[in-house]
C-alpha cells in the first residue's frame, strides 16, 4: 500500500546536502515553526544539511475540546500519564519512516539522518528512531516525553541501540512538565542508551543558548559520521 507523503517545509543548504534533519513540530503548529532556527544553529559551511519540517495532519484533539488542528495523534488526557491515541501515534511513526526512506532515496544514507521533535512531535520521534530498522545519525528531543514506553521496549531496533541522543527541556515548562523529561532520561538509561540531558531556564520553548548547543551537537555527530 502506498500513501502520499506528508507535505513538508524544506530548507536546502547552499551546497548539495550530505545529511538531513527531519524535525517534527508540536501540537497546533506546522512545518514553518522551527524554520527560523536553522540559521541560528550556525552549522559550518562544510556541513551541508537539508532540514525537512513535515506538517502534521489536521485532526480533532480531545483535550482541546475536539477542535481540529495539526496533530501527530490525539491527546485524550493532560495528566502526567499523558493518555494518548497510540494507534494515531503509530500511524504518524509510519509517515515519518516514509520521509526517512525518501531521504535515503535522495542519496542521504540513513546514518546521515537525524530525527528531531518538539513536544508532541518529540514523542513520535522517540518511537520512530528507537524502533527504526536502519541506523540513524542521532535523535534530538525537545520539551517532550516518551508516550509508548512499553512498545519501544518490545520493538527496540538493534540498529539504533548506540544512537546519539540529546534531550532538552525547560525547567519552567508548564505544558510538558520537566518531570516527564527526567522520566524519559531514566527510561532510556534503563534500556542501555546514553542520552545527554540539558535543562534550560525557559518554559515550553527554546532559548538561544539551547539552539547554539543543538548546533554544536549536530555538527559533532554529523562530522563524526564522515570521519
N, C-alpha and C. Protein backbone atom coordinates (compact mmCIF):
# COMPACT_ATOMS: atom_id res chain seq x y z
N UNK A 1 0.85 -1.20 0.00
CA UNK A 1 0.00 0.00 0.00
C UNK A 1 0.89 1.24 0.00
N UNK A 2 0.61 2.15 -0.89
CA UNK A 2 1.36 3.40 -0.94
C UNK A 2 0.49 4.52 -0.36
N UNK A 3 1.12 5.42 0.33
CA UNK A 3 0.42 6.55 0.94
C UNK A 3 1.15 7.82 0.58
N UNK A 4 0.40 8.87 0.34
CA UNK A 4 1.01 10.13 -0.03
C UNK A 4 1.87 10.65 1.12
N UNK A 5 3.05 11.16 0.77
CA UNK A 5 3.95 11.69 1.78
C UNK A 5 3.36 12.94 2.41
N UNK A 6 3.71 13.17 3.66
CA UNK A 6 3.29 14.40 4.33
C UNK A 6 3.88 15.61 3.61
N UNK A 7 3.15 16.70 3.50
CA UNK A 7 3.73 17.93 2.97
C UNK A 7 4.79 18.45 3.93
N UNK A 8 5.86 19.00 3.40
CA UNK A 8 6.99 19.42 4.22
C UNK A 8 7.49 20.80 3.81
N UNK A 9 7.98 21.54 4.78
CA UNK A 9 8.79 22.73 4.53
C UNK A 9 10.23 22.26 4.50
N UNK A 10 10.98 22.63 3.47
CA UNK A 10 12.36 22.17 3.35
C UNK A 10 13.31 23.36 3.24
N UNK A 11 14.41 23.27 3.93
CA UNK A 11 15.47 24.27 3.85
C UNK A 11 16.71 23.57 3.32
N UNK A 12 17.12 23.95 2.12
CA UNK A 12 18.27 23.33 1.47
C UNK A 12 19.55 24.12 1.77
N UNK A 13 20.66 23.42 1.92
CA UNK A 13 21.94 24.12 2.11
C UNK A 13 22.42 24.71 0.79
N UNK A 14 23.45 25.53 0.86
CA UNK A 14 23.96 26.18 -0.35
C UNK A 14 24.69 25.20 -1.26
N UNK A 15 25.16 24.09 -0.70
CA UNK A 15 25.78 23.03 -1.47
C UNK A 15 24.89 21.79 -1.41
N UNK A 16 25.12 20.82 -2.28
CA UNK A 16 24.30 19.60 -2.22
C UNK A 16 24.37 18.96 -0.83
N UNK A 17 23.21 18.59 -0.31
CA UNK A 17 23.12 18.06 1.04
C UNK A 17 23.86 16.73 1.18
N UNK A 18 24.57 16.59 2.29
CA UNK A 18 25.23 15.32 2.63
C UNK A 18 24.62 14.71 3.89
N UNK A 19 23.66 15.41 4.50
CA UNK A 19 22.96 14.92 5.68
C UNK A 19 21.59 15.58 5.73
N UNK A 20 20.69 14.98 6.50
CA UNK A 20 19.34 15.53 6.64
C UNK A 20 18.90 15.50 8.09
N UNK A 21 18.12 16.52 8.47
CA UNK A 21 17.46 16.56 9.76
C UNK A 21 15.96 16.63 9.50
N UNK A 22 15.24 15.65 10.00
CA UNK A 22 13.77 15.65 9.91
C UNK A 22 13.25 16.08 11.27
N UNK A 23 12.58 17.23 11.32
CA UNK A 23 12.26 17.91 12.59
C UNK A 23 10.75 18.06 12.71
N UNK A 24 10.16 17.46 13.73
CA UNK A 24 8.71 17.44 13.91
C UNK A 24 8.27 18.53 14.88
N UNK A 25 7.27 19.29 14.47
CA UNK A 25 6.74 20.39 15.30
C UNK A 25 5.81 19.86 16.39
N UNK A 26 5.34 20.76 17.23
CA UNK A 26 4.44 20.40 18.31
C UNK A 26 2.98 20.55 17.92
N UNK A 27 2.11 20.24 18.87
CA UNK A 27 0.67 20.29 18.66
C UNK A 27 0.23 21.70 18.25
N UNK A 28 -0.56 21.76 17.17
CA UNK A 28 -1.15 23.01 16.74
C UNK A 28 -0.24 23.89 15.90
N UNK A 29 1.02 23.49 15.73
CA UNK A 29 1.96 24.28 14.92
C UNK A 29 2.00 23.70 13.50
N UNK A 30 3.03 24.06 12.75
CA UNK A 30 3.19 23.49 11.41
C UNK A 30 4.67 23.46 11.06
N UNK A 31 4.96 23.07 9.83
CA UNK A 31 6.34 22.88 9.40
C UNK A 31 7.18 24.14 9.41
N UNK A 32 6.54 25.30 9.43
CA UNK A 32 7.30 26.56 9.45
C UNK A 32 7.79 26.91 10.86
N UNK A 33 7.31 26.21 11.87
CA UNK A 33 7.54 26.61 13.26
C UNK A 33 9.02 26.72 13.61
N UNK A 34 9.82 25.74 13.18
CA UNK A 34 11.24 25.73 13.52
C UNK A 34 12.14 26.14 12.35
N UNK A 35 11.54 26.56 11.26
CA UNK A 35 12.32 27.01 10.11
C UNK A 35 13.29 28.14 10.49
N UNK A 36 12.89 29.12 11.32
CA UNK A 36 13.83 30.20 11.66
C UNK A 36 15.02 29.74 12.52
N UNK A 37 14.94 28.55 13.07
CA UNK A 37 16.03 28.05 13.92
C UNK A 37 17.26 27.70 13.09
N UNK A 38 17.05 27.33 11.84
CA UNK A 38 18.15 26.79 11.02
C UNK A 38 19.37 27.72 10.98
N UNK A 39 19.24 29.00 10.62
CA UNK A 39 20.44 29.84 10.60
C UNK A 39 21.07 30.04 11.98
N UNK A 40 20.24 30.01 13.03
CA UNK A 40 20.77 30.21 14.38
C UNK A 40 21.60 29.03 14.87
N UNK A 41 21.50 27.89 14.21
CA UNK A 41 22.30 26.73 14.59
C UNK A 41 23.78 26.92 14.26
N UNK A 42 24.04 27.84 13.31
CA UNK A 42 25.43 28.15 12.92
C UNK A 42 26.22 26.92 12.49
N UNK A 43 25.60 26.08 11.68
CA UNK A 43 26.32 24.91 11.17
C UNK A 43 27.40 25.38 10.19
N UNK A 44 28.54 24.71 10.18
CA UNK A 44 29.62 25.13 9.27
C UNK A 44 29.25 24.91 7.81
N UNK A 45 29.78 25.75 6.93
CA UNK A 45 29.51 25.62 5.50
C UNK A 45 29.98 24.27 4.96
N UNK A 46 30.96 23.69 5.64
CA UNK A 46 31.50 22.40 5.22
C UNK A 46 30.56 21.24 5.55
N UNK A 47 29.44 21.55 6.22
CA UNK A 47 28.47 20.52 6.60
C UNK A 47 27.10 20.89 6.02
N UNK A 48 26.88 20.57 4.74
CA UNK A 48 25.60 20.93 4.12
C UNK A 48 24.48 19.98 4.54
N UNK A 49 23.53 20.54 5.27
CA UNK A 49 22.44 19.74 5.83
C UNK A 49 21.11 20.21 5.28
N UNK A 50 20.30 19.28 4.84
CA UNK A 50 18.92 19.59 4.44
C UNK A 50 18.01 19.45 5.67
N UNK A 51 17.19 20.45 5.91
CA UNK A 51 16.22 20.39 7.00
C UNK A 51 14.84 20.13 6.42
N UNK A 52 14.18 19.12 6.94
CA UNK A 52 12.85 18.73 6.49
C UNK A 52 11.90 18.90 7.67
N UNK A 53 10.91 19.78 7.51
CA UNK A 53 9.94 20.06 8.57
C UNK A 53 8.55 19.61 8.11
N UNK A 54 8.16 18.39 8.43
CA UNK A 54 6.85 17.90 7.97
C UNK A 54 5.70 18.58 8.69
N UNK A 55 4.56 18.66 8.01
CA UNK A 55 3.33 19.18 8.58
C UNK A 55 2.47 18.02 9.06
N UNK A 56 2.10 18.05 10.33
CA UNK A 56 1.19 17.02 10.85
C UNK A 56 -0.19 17.19 10.22
N UNK A 57 -0.93 16.09 10.06
CA UNK A 57 -2.30 16.21 9.54
C UNK A 57 -3.21 16.93 10.52
N UNK A 58 -4.24 17.56 10.00
CA UNK A 58 -5.22 18.25 10.84
C UNK A 58 -6.26 17.24 11.32
N UNK A 59 -6.50 17.22 12.64
CA UNK A 59 -7.45 16.27 13.21
C UNK A 59 -8.00 16.82 14.52
N UNK A 60 -9.14 16.28 14.97
CA UNK A 60 -9.69 16.74 16.26
C UNK A 60 -8.78 16.31 17.42
N UNK A 61 -8.65 17.18 18.42
CA UNK A 61 -7.83 16.88 19.60
C UNK A 61 -8.73 16.97 20.84
N UNK A 62 -8.87 15.86 21.52
CA UNK A 62 -9.83 15.75 22.63
C UNK A 62 -9.58 16.77 23.73
N UNK A 63 -8.32 16.93 24.16
CA UNK A 63 -8.04 17.84 25.29
C UNK A 63 -8.26 19.29 24.92
N UNK A 64 -8.38 19.59 23.65
CA UNK A 64 -8.68 20.95 23.21
C UNK A 64 -10.14 21.08 22.74
N UNK A 65 -10.99 20.33 23.38
CA UNK A 65 -12.42 20.43 23.10
C UNK A 65 -12.83 19.84 21.77
N UNK A 66 -11.99 18.99 21.20
CA UNK A 66 -12.31 18.38 19.92
C UNK A 66 -12.04 19.28 18.72
N UNK A 67 -11.44 20.43 18.95
CA UNK A 67 -11.11 21.32 17.84
C UNK A 67 -10.10 20.65 16.92
N UNK A 68 -10.24 20.92 15.65
CA UNK A 68 -9.30 20.37 14.68
C UNK A 68 -8.07 21.26 14.58
N UNK A 69 -6.91 20.64 14.57
CA UNK A 69 -5.64 21.35 14.48
C UNK A 69 -4.56 20.37 14.02
N UNK A 70 -3.41 20.87 13.57
CA UNK A 70 -2.32 19.96 13.23
C UNK A 70 -1.91 19.15 14.46
N UNK A 71 -1.93 17.85 14.32
CA UNK A 71 -1.61 16.98 15.45
C UNK A 71 -1.05 15.66 14.94
N UNK A 72 -0.05 15.15 15.65
CA UNK A 72 0.54 13.85 15.29
C UNK A 72 -0.30 12.70 15.82
N UNK A 73 -1.11 12.97 16.84
CA UNK A 73 -2.03 11.98 17.41
C UNK A 73 -2.96 12.71 18.35
N UNK A 74 -4.05 12.05 18.73
CA UNK A 74 -4.99 12.66 19.65
C UNK A 74 -4.48 12.51 21.09
N UNK A 75 -4.61 13.56 21.87
CA UNK A 75 -4.29 13.53 23.30
C UNK A 75 -5.60 13.47 24.06
N UNK A 76 -5.77 12.41 24.82
CA UNK A 76 -7.06 12.16 25.48
C UNK A 76 -7.13 12.78 26.87
N UNK A 77 -5.98 12.86 27.57
CA UNK A 77 -5.92 13.46 28.90
C UNK A 77 -4.60 14.19 29.05
N UNK A 78 -4.60 15.29 29.81
CA UNK A 78 -3.37 16.06 30.02
C UNK A 78 -2.72 15.76 31.37
N UNK A 79 -3.08 14.65 32.00
CA UNK A 79 -2.43 14.26 33.24
C UNK A 79 -0.97 13.89 32.95
N UNK A 80 -0.19 13.69 34.01
CA UNK A 80 1.21 13.31 33.82
C UNK A 80 1.35 12.04 33.00
N UNK A 81 0.36 11.14 33.10
CA UNK A 81 0.45 9.89 32.35
C UNK A 81 0.27 10.10 30.85
N UNK A 82 -0.30 11.25 30.48
CA UNK A 82 -0.47 11.62 29.08
C UNK A 82 -1.16 10.49 28.28
N UNK A 83 -2.42 10.20 28.63
CA UNK A 83 -3.17 9.20 27.89
C UNK A 83 -3.38 9.68 26.45
N UNK A 84 -2.94 8.86 25.51
CA UNK A 84 -2.97 9.29 24.10
C UNK A 84 -3.59 8.20 23.22
N UNK A 85 -3.80 8.57 21.98
CA UNK A 85 -4.24 7.64 20.94
C UNK A 85 -3.00 6.95 20.37
N UNK A 86 -2.70 5.77 20.88
CA UNK A 86 -1.47 5.08 20.47
C UNK A 86 -1.49 4.74 18.98
N UNK A 87 -2.62 4.29 18.49
CA UNK A 87 -2.69 3.94 17.06
C UNK A 87 -2.44 5.16 16.18
N UNK A 88 -2.93 6.31 16.63
CA UNK A 88 -2.67 7.54 15.89
C UNK A 88 -1.19 7.88 15.88
N UNK A 89 -0.53 7.70 17.03
CA UNK A 89 0.91 7.94 17.09
C UNK A 89 1.66 6.98 16.16
N UNK A 90 1.26 5.71 16.17
CA UNK A 90 1.95 4.73 15.33
C UNK A 90 1.74 5.03 13.84
N UNK A 91 0.59 5.59 13.51
CA UNK A 91 0.38 5.99 12.11
C UNK A 91 1.33 7.12 11.73
N UNK A 92 1.53 8.07 12.65
CA UNK A 92 2.48 9.15 12.39
C UNK A 92 3.90 8.60 12.28
N UNK A 93 4.23 7.60 13.10
CA UNK A 93 5.55 6.97 13.00
C UNK A 93 5.76 6.43 11.59
N UNK A 94 4.75 5.76 11.04
CA UNK A 94 4.89 5.21 9.69
C UNK A 94 5.06 6.31 8.65
N UNK A 95 4.43 7.47 8.88
CA UNK A 95 4.58 8.58 7.94
C UNK A 95 5.99 9.18 8.02
N UNK A 96 6.57 9.23 9.21
CA UNK A 96 7.93 9.75 9.35
C UNK A 96 8.93 8.74 8.78
N UNK A 97 8.67 7.46 8.97
CA UNK A 97 9.53 6.45 8.36
C UNK A 97 9.55 6.59 6.83
N UNK A 98 8.41 6.95 6.27
CA UNK A 98 8.35 7.16 4.82
C UNK A 98 9.21 8.35 4.40
N UNK A 99 9.26 9.39 5.23
CA UNK A 99 10.12 10.54 4.93
C UNK A 99 11.60 10.17 5.06
N UNK A 100 11.93 9.33 6.02
CA UNK A 100 13.31 8.84 6.13
C UNK A 100 13.68 8.08 4.87
N UNK A 101 12.79 7.21 4.43
CA UNK A 101 13.06 6.44 3.21
C UNK A 101 13.22 7.35 2.00
N UNK A 102 12.46 8.44 1.97
CA UNK A 102 12.61 9.37 0.85
C UNK A 102 13.99 10.02 0.88
N UNK A 103 14.47 10.38 2.07
CA UNK A 103 15.82 10.96 2.15
C UNK A 103 16.87 9.96 1.68
N UNK A 104 16.69 8.71 2.04
CA UNK A 104 17.62 7.67 1.57
C UNK A 104 17.57 7.59 0.05
N UNK A 105 16.37 7.64 -0.52
CA UNK A 105 16.22 7.59 -1.97
C UNK A 105 16.84 8.81 -2.64
N UNK A 106 16.92 9.92 -1.92
CA UNK A 106 17.53 11.14 -2.47
C UNK A 106 19.05 11.13 -2.31
N UNK A 107 19.59 10.06 -1.77
CA UNK A 107 21.04 9.92 -1.70
C UNK A 107 21.66 10.16 -0.34
N UNK A 108 20.83 10.33 0.70
CA UNK A 108 21.35 10.53 2.05
C UNK A 108 21.30 9.18 2.78
N UNK A 109 22.44 8.61 3.16
CA UNK A 109 22.42 7.34 3.90
C UNK A 109 21.69 7.50 5.22
N UNK A 110 21.07 6.43 5.69
CA UNK A 110 20.34 6.52 6.96
C UNK A 110 21.24 7.00 8.09
N UNK A 111 22.53 6.63 8.03
CA UNK A 111 23.48 7.02 9.07
C UNK A 111 23.77 8.51 9.08
N UNK A 112 23.23 9.25 8.10
CA UNK A 112 23.43 10.69 8.00
C UNK A 112 22.10 11.44 8.21
N UNK A 113 21.12 10.75 8.79
CA UNK A 113 19.80 11.35 9.01
C UNK A 113 19.55 11.47 10.50
N UNK A 114 19.24 12.68 10.94
CA UNK A 114 18.91 12.96 12.34
C UNK A 114 17.40 13.15 12.44
N UNK A 115 16.80 12.58 13.47
CA UNK A 115 15.39 12.78 13.73
C UNK A 115 15.24 13.68 14.95
N UNK A 116 14.44 14.74 14.82
CA UNK A 116 14.24 15.69 15.90
C UNK A 116 12.74 15.91 16.10
N UNK A 117 12.36 16.24 17.34
CA UNK A 117 10.95 16.50 17.59
C UNK A 117 10.73 17.34 18.82
N UNK A 118 9.77 18.25 18.73
CA UNK A 118 9.40 19.14 19.85
C UNK A 118 8.04 18.73 20.38
N UNK A 119 7.92 18.60 21.71
CA UNK A 119 6.66 18.34 22.37
C UNK A 119 5.98 17.10 21.79
N UNK A 120 4.79 17.23 21.25
CA UNK A 120 4.10 16.07 20.69
C UNK A 120 4.93 15.42 19.59
N UNK A 121 5.59 16.22 18.78
CA UNK A 121 6.45 15.67 17.74
C UNK A 121 7.61 14.87 18.29
N UNK A 122 8.06 15.24 19.50
CA UNK A 122 9.14 14.50 20.12
C UNK A 122 8.74 13.09 20.51
N UNK A 123 7.48 12.92 20.94
CA UNK A 123 7.01 11.58 21.29
C UNK A 123 7.03 10.67 20.06
N UNK A 124 6.68 11.23 18.91
CA UNK A 124 6.75 10.46 17.65
C UNK A 124 8.21 10.18 17.29
N UNK A 125 9.06 11.17 17.49
CA UNK A 125 10.48 11.00 17.17
C UNK A 125 11.11 9.90 18.02
N UNK A 126 10.78 9.87 19.32
CA UNK A 126 11.30 8.82 20.19
C UNK A 126 10.98 7.45 19.62
N UNK A 127 9.71 7.21 19.36
CA UNK A 127 9.31 5.88 18.91
C UNK A 127 9.92 5.54 17.56
N UNK A 128 9.89 6.51 16.65
CA UNK A 128 10.42 6.25 15.30
C UNK A 128 11.89 5.88 15.34
N UNK A 129 12.69 6.70 16.00
CA UNK A 129 14.14 6.48 16.00
C UNK A 129 14.54 5.19 16.71
N UNK A 130 13.94 4.93 17.87
CA UNK A 130 14.37 3.80 18.67
C UNK A 130 13.87 2.47 18.12
N UNK A 131 12.89 2.51 17.23
CA UNK A 131 12.35 1.27 16.65
C UNK A 131 12.64 1.13 15.16
N UNK A 132 13.31 2.11 14.56
CA UNK A 132 13.59 2.09 13.13
C UNK A 132 14.68 1.06 12.81
N UNK A 133 14.51 0.33 11.73
CA UNK A 133 15.37 -0.81 11.43
C UNK A 133 16.71 -0.51 10.81
N UNK A 134 16.97 0.76 10.48
CA UNK A 134 18.27 1.14 9.91
C UNK A 134 18.94 2.14 10.84
N UNK A 135 20.26 2.17 10.90
CA UNK A 135 20.94 3.10 11.82
C UNK A 135 20.74 4.55 11.42
N UNK A 136 20.45 5.39 12.40
CA UNK A 136 20.29 6.82 12.19
C UNK A 136 21.46 7.56 12.83
N UNK A 137 21.65 8.83 12.42
CA UNK A 137 22.78 9.62 12.94
C UNK A 137 22.55 10.10 14.35
N UNK A 138 21.29 10.39 14.71
CA UNK A 138 21.03 10.92 16.03
C UNK A 138 19.55 11.16 16.27
N UNK A 139 19.21 11.37 17.54
CA UNK A 139 17.85 11.67 17.97
C UNK A 139 17.90 12.88 18.88
N UNK A 140 17.15 13.92 18.53
CA UNK A 140 17.07 15.16 19.28
C UNK A 140 15.64 15.35 19.75
N UNK A 141 15.42 15.43 21.06
CA UNK A 141 14.06 15.62 21.57
C UNK A 141 14.01 16.87 22.45
N UNK A 142 12.94 17.64 22.29
CA UNK A 142 12.81 18.95 22.90
C UNK A 142 11.47 19.07 23.62
N UNK A 143 11.52 19.31 24.92
CA UNK A 143 10.30 19.59 25.70
C UNK A 143 9.24 18.52 25.46
N UNK A 144 9.64 17.26 25.63
CA UNK A 144 8.74 16.18 25.25
C UNK A 144 8.78 15.05 26.25
N UNK A 145 8.21 13.92 25.87
CA UNK A 145 8.05 12.78 26.76
C UNK A 145 8.00 11.50 25.92
N UNK A 146 8.19 10.36 26.56
CA UNK A 146 8.03 9.07 25.89
C UNK A 146 6.59 8.61 26.11
N UNK A 147 5.86 8.46 25.02
CA UNK A 147 4.44 8.11 25.12
C UNK A 147 4.18 6.62 24.95
N UNK A 148 5.15 5.89 24.44
CA UNK A 148 4.94 4.48 24.09
C UNK A 148 6.06 3.61 24.65
N UNK A 149 6.35 3.77 25.93
CA UNK A 149 7.48 3.07 26.54
C UNK A 149 7.39 1.56 26.38
N UNK A 150 6.21 1.00 26.64
CA UNK A 150 6.05 -0.45 26.53
C UNK A 150 6.33 -0.97 25.13
N UNK A 151 5.82 -0.27 24.13
CA UNK A 151 6.04 -0.69 22.75
C UNK A 151 7.50 -0.52 22.34
N UNK A 152 8.13 0.56 22.81
CA UNK A 152 9.55 0.75 22.49
C UNK A 152 10.38 -0.39 23.07
N UNK A 153 10.07 -0.79 24.30
CA UNK A 153 10.79 -1.90 24.92
C UNK A 153 10.65 -3.18 24.09
N UNK A 154 9.47 -3.38 23.52
CA UNK A 154 9.21 -4.58 22.73
C UNK A 154 9.89 -4.54 21.36
N UNK A 155 10.00 -3.34 20.80
CA UNK A 155 10.41 -3.22 19.39
C UNK A 155 11.70 -2.44 19.20
N UNK A 156 12.51 -2.35 20.25
CA UNK A 156 13.81 -1.67 20.10
C UNK A 156 14.57 -2.22 18.90
N UNK A 157 15.15 -1.31 18.14
CA UNK A 157 15.93 -1.71 16.98
C UNK A 157 17.39 -1.90 17.36
N UNK A 158 17.94 -3.04 17.02
CA UNK A 158 19.37 -3.26 17.26
C UNK A 158 20.21 -2.24 16.51
N UNK A 159 19.71 -1.77 15.37
CA UNK A 159 20.47 -0.82 14.54
C UNK A 159 20.70 0.50 15.25
N UNK A 160 19.84 0.85 16.22
CA UNK A 160 19.93 2.16 16.88
C UNK A 160 20.15 2.08 18.38
N UNK A 161 20.71 0.99 18.86
CA UNK A 161 20.97 0.87 20.29
C UNK A 161 22.09 1.80 20.77
N UNK A 162 22.92 2.24 19.84
CA UNK A 162 24.01 3.18 20.21
C UNK A 162 23.78 4.57 19.64
N UNK A 163 22.56 4.88 19.25
CA UNK A 163 22.27 6.17 18.62
C UNK A 163 22.57 7.32 19.59
N UNK A 164 23.25 8.38 19.13
CA UNK A 164 23.42 9.57 19.98
C UNK A 164 22.06 10.22 20.24
N UNK A 165 21.79 10.52 21.50
CA UNK A 165 20.51 11.11 21.89
C UNK A 165 20.77 12.36 22.73
N UNK A 166 20.14 13.46 22.34
CA UNK A 166 20.20 14.71 23.13
C UNK A 166 18.78 15.09 23.51
N UNK A 167 18.56 15.28 24.82
CA UNK A 167 17.25 15.63 25.35
C UNK A 167 17.33 17.01 25.99
N UNK A 168 16.48 17.93 25.54
CA UNK A 168 16.46 19.29 26.07
C UNK A 168 15.08 19.58 26.68
N UNK A 169 15.06 20.28 27.80
CA UNK A 169 13.77 20.59 28.44
C UNK A 169 13.89 21.88 29.23
N UNK A 170 12.81 22.64 29.25
CA UNK A 170 12.76 23.87 30.03
C UNK A 170 12.35 23.60 31.46
N UNK A 171 13.07 24.18 32.40
CA UNK A 171 12.77 23.95 33.81
C UNK A 171 11.43 24.57 34.22
N UNK A 172 10.95 25.55 33.43
CA UNK A 172 9.69 26.24 33.76
C UNK A 172 8.54 25.77 32.85
N UNK A 173 8.71 24.65 32.19
CA UNK A 173 7.71 24.17 31.23
C UNK A 173 6.41 23.81 31.97
N UNK A 174 5.31 24.50 31.63
CA UNK A 174 4.02 24.21 32.25
C UNK A 174 3.09 23.45 31.31
N UNK A 175 3.60 23.07 30.14
CA UNK A 175 2.82 22.27 29.18
C UNK A 175 3.23 20.80 29.27
N UNK A 176 4.53 20.56 29.15
CA UNK A 176 5.09 19.22 29.37
C UNK A 176 6.04 19.35 30.57
N UNK A 177 5.59 19.01 31.75
CA UNK A 177 6.42 19.21 32.95
C UNK A 177 7.79 18.54 32.80
N UNK A 178 8.79 19.19 33.40
CA UNK A 178 10.15 18.68 33.28
C UNK A 178 10.28 17.28 33.87
N UNK A 179 9.37 16.92 34.77
CA UNK A 179 9.39 15.56 35.33
C UNK A 179 9.26 14.51 34.23
N UNK A 180 8.53 14.83 33.16
CA UNK A 180 8.38 13.89 32.05
C UNK A 180 9.67 13.78 31.25
N UNK A 181 10.43 14.86 31.16
CA UNK A 181 11.74 14.79 30.52
C UNK A 181 12.70 13.93 31.31
N UNK A 182 12.70 14.12 32.63
CA UNK A 182 13.55 13.30 33.50
C UNK A 182 13.14 11.84 33.41
N UNK A 183 11.86 11.59 33.36
CA UNK A 183 11.34 10.22 33.23
C UNK A 183 11.85 9.58 31.94
N UNK A 184 11.90 10.35 30.87
CA UNK A 184 12.40 9.84 29.59
C UNK A 184 13.88 9.46 29.70
N UNK A 185 14.65 10.33 30.35
CA UNK A 185 16.07 10.04 30.53
C UNK A 185 16.26 8.73 31.30
N UNK A 186 15.51 8.58 32.38
CA UNK A 186 15.65 7.38 33.21
C UNK A 186 15.25 6.12 32.44
N UNK A 187 14.19 6.22 31.65
CA UNK A 187 13.77 5.08 30.84
C UNK A 187 14.86 4.68 29.84
N UNK A 188 15.41 5.67 29.15
CA UNK A 188 16.44 5.38 28.16
C UNK A 188 17.67 4.76 28.81
N UNK A 189 18.03 5.26 29.97
CA UNK A 189 19.17 4.69 30.67
C UNK A 189 18.90 3.24 31.06
N UNK A 190 17.68 2.94 31.48
CA UNK A 190 17.30 1.57 31.80
C UNK A 190 17.42 0.66 30.57
N UNK A 191 17.18 1.22 29.40
CA UNK A 191 17.25 0.45 28.15
C UNK A 191 18.65 0.47 27.54
N UNK A 192 19.63 0.98 28.30
CA UNK A 192 21.06 0.95 27.93
C UNK A 192 21.44 2.00 26.89
N UNK A 193 20.60 3.03 26.70
CA UNK A 193 21.01 4.17 25.88
C UNK A 193 21.81 5.12 26.78
N UNK A 194 22.50 6.06 26.15
CA UNK A 194 23.29 7.04 26.89
C UNK A 194 22.88 8.45 26.48
N UNK A 195 21.70 8.88 26.89
CA UNK A 195 21.21 10.21 26.48
C UNK A 195 21.96 11.34 27.16
N UNK A 196 22.13 12.44 26.43
CA UNK A 196 22.62 13.68 27.03
C UNK A 196 21.39 14.47 27.52
N UNK A 197 21.47 14.99 28.73
CA UNK A 197 20.34 15.71 29.33
C UNK A 197 20.71 17.18 29.47
N UNK A 198 19.84 18.05 28.95
CA UNK A 198 20.09 19.50 29.02
C UNK A 198 18.84 20.18 29.57
N UNK A 199 19.02 20.93 30.64
CA UNK A 199 17.92 21.66 31.28
C UNK A 199 18.16 23.15 31.08
N UNK A 200 17.10 23.87 30.67
CA UNK A 200 17.24 25.29 30.37
C UNK A 200 16.22 26.10 31.16
N UNK A 201 16.54 27.34 31.54
CA UNK A 201 15.62 28.16 32.34
C UNK A 201 14.56 28.84 31.47
N UNK A 202 13.76 28.04 30.79
CA UNK A 202 12.71 28.55 29.91
C UNK A 202 11.43 27.75 30.13
N UNK A 203 10.34 28.21 29.51
CA UNK A 203 9.09 27.47 29.59
C UNK A 203 9.00 26.50 28.41
N UNK A 204 7.84 26.42 27.77
CA UNK A 204 7.64 25.45 26.69
C UNK A 204 8.12 26.04 25.37
N UNK A 205 9.43 26.13 25.22
CA UNK A 205 10.02 26.70 24.02
C UNK A 205 11.53 26.56 24.07
N UNK A 206 12.21 27.27 23.17
CA UNK A 206 13.66 27.21 23.11
C UNK A 206 14.26 28.57 23.45
N UNK A 207 15.51 28.56 23.90
CA UNK A 207 16.26 29.79 24.11
C UNK A 207 17.50 29.74 23.23
N UNK A 208 18.13 30.90 23.00
CA UNK A 208 19.26 30.97 22.09
C UNK A 208 20.43 30.08 22.52
N UNK A 209 20.83 30.07 23.80
CA UNK A 209 21.92 29.16 24.19
C UNK A 209 21.59 27.69 23.90
N UNK A 210 20.32 27.33 24.03
CA UNK A 210 19.89 25.97 23.73
C UNK A 210 20.06 25.67 22.24
N UNK A 211 19.63 26.61 21.41
CA UNK A 211 19.78 26.44 19.96
C UNK A 211 21.25 26.32 19.58
N UNK A 212 22.08 27.13 20.19
CA UNK A 212 23.52 27.06 19.91
C UNK A 212 24.10 25.71 20.32
N UNK A 213 23.64 25.19 21.47
CA UNK A 213 24.10 23.87 21.93
C UNK A 213 23.66 22.77 20.97
N UNK A 214 22.44 22.91 20.44
CA UNK A 214 21.95 21.93 19.46
C UNK A 214 22.81 21.97 18.20
N UNK A 215 23.17 23.17 17.77
CA UNK A 215 24.02 23.31 16.58
C UNK A 215 25.36 22.63 16.77
N UNK A 216 25.94 22.78 17.96
CA UNK A 216 27.23 22.13 18.24
C UNK A 216 27.06 20.61 18.23
N UNK A 217 25.98 20.14 18.84
CA UNK A 217 25.73 18.70 18.88
C UNK A 217 25.55 18.13 17.48
N UNK A 218 24.74 18.80 16.66
CA UNK A 218 24.54 18.34 15.29
C UNK A 218 25.87 18.31 14.52
N UNK A 219 26.66 19.37 14.67
CA UNK A 219 27.94 19.42 13.99
C UNK A 219 28.82 18.26 14.42
N UNK A 220 28.85 17.99 15.71
CA UNK A 220 29.72 16.92 16.23
C UNK A 220 29.30 15.55 15.71
N UNK A 221 28.00 15.24 15.80
CA UNK A 221 27.61 13.88 15.40
C UNK A 221 27.68 13.68 13.89
N UNK A 222 27.40 14.74 13.12
CA UNK A 222 27.44 14.58 11.67
C UNK A 222 28.88 14.66 11.14
N UNK A 223 29.73 15.38 11.82
CA UNK A 223 31.14 15.38 11.43
C UNK A 223 31.79 14.05 11.80
N UNK A 224 31.41 13.53 12.95
CA UNK A 224 31.91 12.22 13.38
C UNK A 224 31.56 11.15 12.37
N UNK A 225 30.35 11.24 11.82
CA UNK A 225 29.92 10.23 10.87
C UNK A 225 30.68 10.25 9.57
N UNK A 226 31.32 11.39 9.26
CA UNK A 226 32.05 11.47 8.00
C UNK A 226 33.49 11.03 8.16
N UNK A 227 33.96 10.88 9.41
CA UNK A 227 35.38 10.53 9.63
C UNK A 227 35.58 9.02 9.53
